[in-house]
C-alpha atoms as a PDB file:
ATOM      1  CA  LEU A   1      45.542  90.240 139.236  1.00  0.00           C
ATOM      2  CA  ASP A   2      47.554  93.432 138.867  1.00  0.00           C
ATOM      3  CA  ARG A   3      50.740  91.382 139.150  1.00  0.00           C
ATOM      4  CA  LEU A   4      49.602  88.936 136.477  1.00  0.00           C
ATOM      5  CA  LEU A   5      48.787  91.782 134.100  1.00  0.00           C
ATOM      6  CA  ALA A   6      52.120  93.411 134.849  1.00  0.00           C
ATOM      7  CA  VAL A   7      54.066  90.217 134.107  1.00  0.00           C
ATOM      8  CA  VAL A   8      52.213  89.713 130.817  1.00  0.00           C
ATOM      9  CA  GLN A   9      52.808  93.331 129.806  1.00  0.00           C
ATOM     10  CA  THR A  10      56.523  93.115 130.648  1.00  0.00           C
ATOM     11  CA  HIS A  11      56.835  89.905 128.661  1.00  0.00           C
ATOM     12  CA  GLY A  12      55.407  91.682 125.633  1.00  0.00           C
ATOM     13  CA  GLY A  13      53.600  88.647 124.274  1.00  0.00           C
ATOM     14  CA  GLY A  14      50.297  90.467 124.150  1.00  0.00           C
ATOM     15  CA  ALA A  15      48.227  87.644 125.641  1.00  0.00           C
ATOM     16  CA  ILE A  16      47.832  85.568 128.768  1.00  0.00           C
ATOM     17  CA  PRO A  17      49.659  82.320 127.938  1.00  0.00           C
ATOM     18  CA  GLU A  18      47.933  78.954 127.697  1.00  0.00           C
ATOM     19  CA  PHE A  19      49.030  75.816 129.508  1.00  0.00           C
ATOM     20  CA  THR A  20      51.327  73.530 127.511  1.00  0.00           C
ATOM     21  CA  PRO A  21      50.056  69.991 126.716  1.00  0.00           C
ATOM     22  CA  THR A  22      51.773  67.327 128.783  1.00  0.00           C
ATOM     23  CA  GLU A  23      54.351  64.998 127.283  1.00  0.00           C
ATOM     24  CA  ASP A  24      52.114  61.990 128.042  1.00  0.00           C
ATOM     25  CA  ASP A  25      49.131  63.594 126.283  1.00  0.00           C
ATOM     26  CA  ARG A  26      48.688  60.409 124.299  1.00  0.00           C
ATOM     27  CA  SER A  27      45.744  58.544 122.840  1.00  0.00           C
ATOM     28  CA  VAL A  28      43.322  57.346 125.480  1.00  0.00           C
ATOM     29  CA  ASP A  29      42.881  53.592 125.993  1.00  0.00           C
ATOM     30  CA  TYR A  30      39.140  53.246 125.406  1.00  0.00           C
ATOM     31  CA  ASN A  31      39.294  49.487 125.948  1.00  0.00           C
ATOM     32  CA  CYS A  32      40.293  49.689 129.602  1.00  0.00           C
ATOM     33  CA  ARG A  33      37.870  49.407 132.516  1.00  0.00           C
ATOM     34  CA  ALA A  34      35.416  52.277 132.775  1.00  0.00           C
ATOM     35  CA  GLU A  35      36.685  53.414 136.185  1.00  0.00           C
ATOM     36  CA  ASP A  36      40.273  53.280 134.902  1.00  0.00           C
ATOM     37  CA  LEU A  37      39.301  55.394 131.902  1.00  0.00           C
ATOM     38  CA  VAL A  38      37.868  58.074 134.187  1.00  0.00           C
ATOM     39  CA  SER A  39      41.007  57.971 136.341  1.00  0.00           C
ATOM     40  CA  GLU A  40      43.190  58.315 133.247  1.00  0.00           C
ATOM     41  CA  ILE A  41      41.294  61.399 132.069  1.00  0.00           C
ATOM     42  CA  ARG A  42      41.448  62.959 135.538  1.00  0.00           C
ATOM     43  CA  GLY A  43      45.151  62.227 135.773  1.00  0.00           C
ATOM     44  CA  GLN A  44      45.910  63.816 132.414  1.00  0.00           C
ATOM     45  CA  LEU A  45      43.961  66.974 133.267  1.00  0.00           C
ATOM     46  CA  GLY A  46      45.538  67.112 136.718  1.00  0.00           C
ATOM     47  CA  LYS A  47      48.996  67.112 135.122  1.00  0.00           C
ATOM     48  CA  LEU A  48      47.963  69.594 132.442  1.00  0.00           C
ATOM     49  CA  PHE A  49      46.800  72.207 134.964  1.00  0.00           C
ATOM     50  CA  ASN A  50      49.529  71.598 137.532  1.00  0.00           C
ATOM     51  CA  PRO A  51      51.046  75.045 138.281  1.00  0.00           C
ATOM     52  CA  GLU A  52      54.405  73.558 139.293  1.00  0.00           C
ATOM     53  CA  ARG A  53      54.829  71.734 135.965  1.00  0.00           C
ATOM     54  CA  GLN A  54      53.672  74.665 133.856  1.00  0.00           C
ATOM     55  CA  GLY A  55      55.595  77.190 135.917  1.00  0.00           C
ATOM     56  CA  GLN A  56      58.825  75.331 135.305  1.00  0.00           C
ATOM     57  CA  ILE A  57      58.139  75.325 131.564  1.00  0.00           C
ATOM     58  CA  TRP A  58      57.640  79.087 131.505  1.00  0.00           C
ATOM     59  CA  ALA A  59      60.613  79.626 133.811  1.00  0.00           C
ATOM     60  CA  ALA A  60      62.806  77.871 131.250  1.00  0.00           C
ATOM     61  CA  ASP A  61      61.985  80.647 128.781  1.00  0.00           C
ATOM     62  CA  GLU A  62      64.373  83.605 129.076  1.00  0.00           C
ATOM     63  CA  LYS A  63      61.744  86.284 128.400  1.00  0.00           C
ATOM     64  CA  TRP A  64      59.329  84.866 130.965  1.00  0.00           C
ATOM     65  CA  THR A  65      62.137  84.508 133.495  1.00  0.00           C
ATOM     66  CA  GLN A  66      62.998  88.186 133.072  1.00  0.00           C
ATOM     67  CA  SER A  67      59.357  89.142 133.579  1.00  0.00           C
ATOM     68  CA  PHE A  68      59.048  86.974 136.690  1.00  0.00           C
ATOM     69  CA  SER A  69      62.242  88.411 138.140  1.00  0.00           C
ATOM     70  CA  GLN A  70      61.199  91.991 137.516  1.00  0.00           C
ATOM     71  CA  HIS A  71      57.918  91.466 139.375  1.00  0.00           C
ATOM     72  CA  GLN A  72      59.337  89.158 142.075  1.00  0.00           C
ATOM     73  CA  MET A  73      57.230  86.182 141.086  1.00  0.00           C
ATOM     74  CA  THR A  74      58.109  82.541 140.415  1.00  0.00           C
ATOM     75  CA  GLY A  75      56.964  80.526 137.425  1.00  0.00           C
ATOM     76  CA  PRO A  76      54.663  78.289 139.489  1.00  0.00           C
ATOM     77  CA  GLU A  77      53.128  81.345 141.201  1.00  0.00           C
ATOM     78  CA  PHE A  78      52.393  82.887 137.826  1.00  0.00           C
ATOM     79  CA  ALA A  79      50.943  79.600 136.537  1.00  0.00           C
ATOM     80  CA  ALA A  80      48.677  79.363 139.583  1.00  0.00           C
ATOM     81  CA  LEU A  81      47.470  82.918 138.890  1.00  0.00           C
ATOM     82  CA  VAL A  82      46.803  82.116 135.230  1.00  0.00           C
ATOM     83  CA  ARG A  83      44.795  79.039 136.206  1.00  0.00           C
ATOM     84  CA  SER A  84      42.859  80.943 138.863  1.00  0.00           C
ATOM     85  CA  VAL A  85      42.006  83.850 136.559  1.00  0.00           C
ATOM     86  CA  SER A  86      41.112  81.555 133.649  1.00  0.00           C
ATOM     87  CA  CYS A  87      38.730  79.555 135.841  1.00  0.00           C
ATOM     88  CA  ALA A  88      37.145  82.742 137.173  1.00  0.00           C
ATOM     89  CA  ILE A  89      36.587  84.045 133.645  1.00  0.00           C
ATOM     90  CA  MET A  90      34.993  80.740 132.671  1.00  0.00           C
ATOM     91  CA  ARG A  91      32.804  80.835 135.791  1.00  0.00           C
ATOM     92  CA  VAL A  92      31.541  84.310 134.933  1.00  0.00           C
ATOM     93  CA  ARG A  93      30.847  83.391 131.301  1.00  0.00           C
ATOM     94  CA  LEU A  94      29.276  80.044 132.145  1.00  0.00           C
ATOM     95  CA  SER A  95      27.109  81.354 134.989  1.00  0.00           C
ATOM     96  CA  ALA A  96      25.527  83.799 132.550  1.00  0.00           C
ATOM     97  CA  ARG A  97      24.334  80.840 130.479  1.00  0.00           C
ATOM     98  CA  VAL A  98      23.644  77.936 132.802  1.00  0.00           C
ATOM     99  CA  ASP A  99      23.314  76.906 136.457  1.00  0.00           C
ATOM    100  CA  VAL A 100      26.748  75.549 137.362  1.00  0.00           C
ATOM    101  CA  ASP A 101      25.440  73.296 140.147  1.00  0.00           C
ATOM    102  CA  HIS A 102      22.991  71.739 137.683  1.00  0.00           C
ATOM    103  CA  LEU A 103      25.822  71.302 135.182  1.00  0.00           C
ATOM    104  CA  VAL A 104      27.977  69.438 137.704  1.00  0.00           C
ATOM    105  CA  ALA A 105      25.033  67.255 138.754  1.00  0.00           C
ATOM    106  CA  ASN A 106      24.293  66.392 135.109  1.00  0.00           C
ATOM    107  CA  ALA A 107      27.933  65.591 134.377  1.00  0.00           C
ATOM    108  CA  ARG A 108      28.256  63.350 137.439  1.00  0.00           C
ATOM    109  CA  ALA A 109      25.040  61.522 136.564  1.00  0.00           C
ATOM    110  CA  GLU A 110      26.093  60.962 132.970  1.00  0.00           C
ATOM    111  CA  VAL A 111      29.521  59.683 134.005  1.00  0.00           C
ATOM    112  CA  LYS A 112      27.841  57.256 136.399  1.00  0.00           C
ATOM    113  CA  GLU A 113      25.412  56.017 133.735  1.00  0.00           C
ATOM    114  CA  LEU A 114      28.106  55.595 131.105  1.00  0.00           C
ATOM    115  CA  ILE A 115      30.240  53.616 133.548  1.00  0.00           C
ATOM    116  CA  GLY A 116      27.230  51.397 134.202  1.00  0.00           C
ATOM    117  CA  THR A 117      26.691  50.817 130.482  1.00  0.00           C
ATOM    118  CA  ILE A 118      30.313  49.840 129.899  1.00  0.00           C
ATOM    119  CA  GLU A 119      30.504  47.621 132.967  1.00  0.00           C
ATOM    120  CA  ALA A 120      27.320  45.803 131.969  1.00  0.00           C
ATOM    121  CA  ILE A 121      28.791  44.988 128.548  1.00  0.00           C
ATOM    122  CA  ASP A 122      32.159  44.033 130.053  1.00  0.00           C
ATOM    123  CA  GLU A 123      30.439  41.476 132.290  1.00  0.00           C
ATOM    124  CA  ILE A 124      29.361  39.570 129.180  1.00  0.00           C
ATOM    125  CA  PRO A 125      32.020  37.061 128.049  1.00  0.00           C
ATOM    126  CA  GLU A 126      33.868  38.491 125.058  1.00  0.00           C
ATOM    127  CA  SER A 127      32.996  35.450 122.973  1.00  0.00           C
ATOM    128  CA  GLU A 128      29.323  36.314 123.435  1.00  0.00           C
ATOM    129  CA  HIS A 129      29.603  39.972 122.481  1.00  0.00           C
ATOM    130  CA  SER A 130      27.355  41.018 119.617  1.00  0.00           C
ATOM    131  CA  ARG A 131      28.316  43.609 117.037  1.00  0.00           C
ATOM    132  CA  GLN A 132      25.856  45.983 118.715  1.00  0.00           C
ATOM    133  CA  ASP A 133      27.573  45.439 122.089  1.00  0.00           C
ATOM    134  CA  ALA A 134      30.899  46.454 120.543  1.00  0.00           C
ATOM    135  CA  VAL A 135      29.382  49.547 118.925  1.00  0.00           C
ATOM    136  CA  ILE A 136      27.604  50.657 122.101  1.00  0.00           C
ATOM    137  CA  ARG A 137      30.697  50.061 124.214  1.00  0.00           C
ATOM    138  CA  GLY A 138      32.916  52.006 121.840  1.00  0.00           C
ATOM    139  CA  ARG A 139      30.552  54.949 121.702  1.00  0.00           C
ATOM    140  CA  SER A 140      30.024  54.864 125.461  1.00  0.00           C
ATOM    141  CA  ALA A 141      33.790  54.841 126.111  1.00  0.00           C
ATOM    142  CA  ILE A 142      34.324  57.875 123.870  1.00  0.00           C
ATOM    143  CA  SER A 143      31.402  59.674 125.542  1.00  0.00           C
ATOM    144  CA  LEU A 144      32.703  58.733 128.988  1.00  0.00           C
ATOM    145  CA  ALA A 145      36.153  60.159 128.289  1.00  0.00           C
ATOM    146  CA  ARG A 146      34.689  63.418 127.053  1.00  0.00           C
ATOM    147  CA  THR A 147      32.109  63.725 129.824  1.00  0.00           C
ATOM    148  CA  ALA A 148      34.691  62.906 132.500  1.00  0.00           C
ATOM    149  CA  ALA A 149      36.833  65.730 131.120  1.00  0.00           C
ATOM    150  CA  LEU A 150      33.871  68.119 131.124  1.00  0.00           C
ATOM    151  CA  LEU A 151      33.098  67.097 134.706  1.00  0.00           C
ATOM    152  CA  GLU A 152      36.645  67.924 135.748  1.00  0.00           C
ATOM    153  CA  PHE A 153      36.369  71.351 134.103  1.00  0.00           C
ATOM    154  CA  ALA A 154      32.935  71.938 135.649  1.00  0.00           C
ATOM    155  CA  GLU A 155      34.161  71.060 139.140  1.00  0.00           C
ATOM    156  CA  MET A 156      37.173  73.361 138.752  1.00  0.00           C
ATOM    157  CA  ILE A 157      34.863  76.174 137.681  1.00  0.00           C
ATOM    158  CA  LYS A 158      32.392  75.470 140.492  1.00  0.00           C
ATOM    159  CA  GLN A 159      35.150  75.921 143.096  1.00  0.00           C
ATOM    160  CA  VAL A 160      35.909  79.508 141.996  1.00  0.00           C
ATOM    161  CA  PRO A 161      35.303  81.865 144.961  1.00  0.00           C
ATOM    162  CA  PRO A 162      32.734  84.670 144.419  1.00  0.00           C
ATOM    163  CA  GLU A 163      35.410  87.285 145.089  1.00  0.00           C
ATOM    164  CA  ASN A 164      37.439  85.992 142.131  1.00  0.00           C
ATOM    165  CA  CYS A 165      34.443  86.406 139.845  1.00  0.00           C
ATOM    166  CA  LYS A 166      33.940  89.929 141.140  1.00  0.00           C
ATOM    167  CA  LEU A 167      37.590  90.713 140.432  1.00  0.00           C
ATOM    168  CA  VAL A 168      37.576  89.504 136.813  1.00  0.00           C
ATOM    169  CA  ARG A 169      34.393  91.489 136.193  1.00  0.00           C
ATOM    170  CA  LYS A 170      36.175  94.568 137.506  1.00  0.00           C
ATOM    171  CA  TYR A 171      39.124  93.963 135.173  1.00  0.00           C
ATOM    172  CA  SER A 172      37.055  92.708 132.232  1.00  0.00           C
ATOM    173  CA  LYS A 173      38.270  95.388 129.788  1.00  0.00           C
ATOM    174  CA  GLN A 174      41.946  94.773 130.533  1.00  0.00           C
ATOM    175  CA  LEU A 175      41.546  91.001 130.412  1.00  0.00           C
ATOM    176  CA  LYS A 176      39.527  90.904 127.190  1.00  0.00           C
ATOM    177  CA  SER A 177      42.417  92.262 125.139  1.00  0.00           C
ATOM    178  CA  LEU A 178      44.788  89.649 126.607  1.00  0.00           C
ATOM    179  CA  LEU A 179      42.657  86.551 125.967  1.00  0.00           C
ATOM    180  CA  PRO A 180      42.987  84.443 122.803  1.00  0.00           C
ATOM    181  CA  PRO A 181      39.938  85.231 120.597  1.00  0.00           C
ATOM    182  CA  GLY A 182      37.422  82.394 120.831  1.00  0.00           C
ATOM    183  CA  GLY A 183      39.911  80.242 122.740  1.00  0.00           C
ATOM    184  CA  THR A 184      37.367  78.693 125.110  1.00  0.00           C
ATOM    185  CA  ASP A 185      34.181  79.060 123.061  1.00  0.00           C
ATOM    186  CA  GLY A 186      34.066  75.380 122.144  1.00  0.00           C
ATOM    187  CA  LEU A 187      34.493  74.214 125.728  1.00  0.00           C
ATOM    188  CA  LEU A 188      31.954  76.754 126.928  1.00  0.00           C
ATOM    189  CA  SER A 189      29.383  75.511 124.414  1.00  0.00           C
ATOM    190  CA  GLU A 190      29.885  71.886 125.449  1.00  0.00           C
ATOM    191  CA  LEU A 191      29.524  72.731 129.128  1.00  0.00           C
ATOM    192  CA  GLN A 192      26.423  74.798 128.437  1.00  0.00           C
ATOM    193  CA  ALA A 193      24.836  71.993 126.413  1.00  0.00           C
ATOM    194  CA  LEU A 194      25.424  69.521 129.234  1.00  0.00           C
ATOM    195  CA  GLY A 195      24.119  71.959 131.830  1.00  0.00           C
ATOM    196  CA  ASP A 196      21.007  72.735 129.795  1.00  0.00           C
ATOM    197  CA  LEU A 197      19.889  69.103 129.697  1.00  0.00           C
ATOM    198  CA  PRO A 198      17.007  68.134 131.981  1.00  0.00           C
ATOM    199  CA  ARG A 199      18.142  65.294 134.201  1.00  0.00           C
ATOM    200  CA  SER A 200      15.893  62.823 132.340  1.00  0.00           C
ATOM    201  CA  ASP A 201      17.643  63.641 129.055  1.00  0.00           C
ATOM    202  CA  VAL A 202      21.094  62.536 130.216  1.00  0.00           C
ATOM    203  CA  VAL A 203      21.380  58.968 128.940  1.00  0.00           C
ATOM    204  CA  PRO A 204      24.257  56.649 127.996  1.00  0.00           C
ATOM    205  CA  ALA A 205      25.548  56.630 124.427  1.00  0.00           C
ATOM    206  CA  GLY A 206      23.770  54.075 122.292  1.00  0.00           C
ATOM    207  CA  HIS A 207      20.599  54.237 124.378  1.00  0.00           C
ATOM    208  CA  SER A 208      17.397  56.211 124.093  1.00  0.00           C
ATOM    209  CA  THR A 209      15.031  57.662 126.673  1.00  0.00           C
ATOM    210  CA  SER A 210      12.425  55.067 125.710  1.00  0.00           C
ATOM    211  CA  GLU A 211      14.609  52.158 126.840  1.00  0.00           C
END
């Protein structure tokens, strides 16, 4: 962590950098099979947080290259540190609000239920689809994409070792001044809301608990 802080300070940017959106960060195909939609979301997030890809982007910047060279670090190594520290910070903040294991269980269950809803509609011949089927499928696909993304984030956060959490707590004052203000508040709120749900309240889009 000392090395990460040193690189950021040498760079002079004043903040820990964020990962750059991928070139194929395009509109999601909500009409594809449910399982394919989940795979697409996972693939996009996997590319987004790939340290090798992001490290090469930062290494192409002259100021970052100078900082890396001064502290004997490569771009991918720095990117891996940024990802590790960011996940640890999220783990500390999220754990103060919700049980992370419960969050992951809720997210997995909702993904499974949404897939089931979409697959059930897709089994009906298209010529027999009602307007309600189309509405429910569309809403379920949008919810599935978002929940699959939240599940990926939750699983990344769950894997953070306890020692990493202890370290970011120790360096909390130094890190606070280097984080974008409110940068992850929206994501944190969504994860908390999903983790706060009792298991019985997690239902597919377009359905109610009375069904």
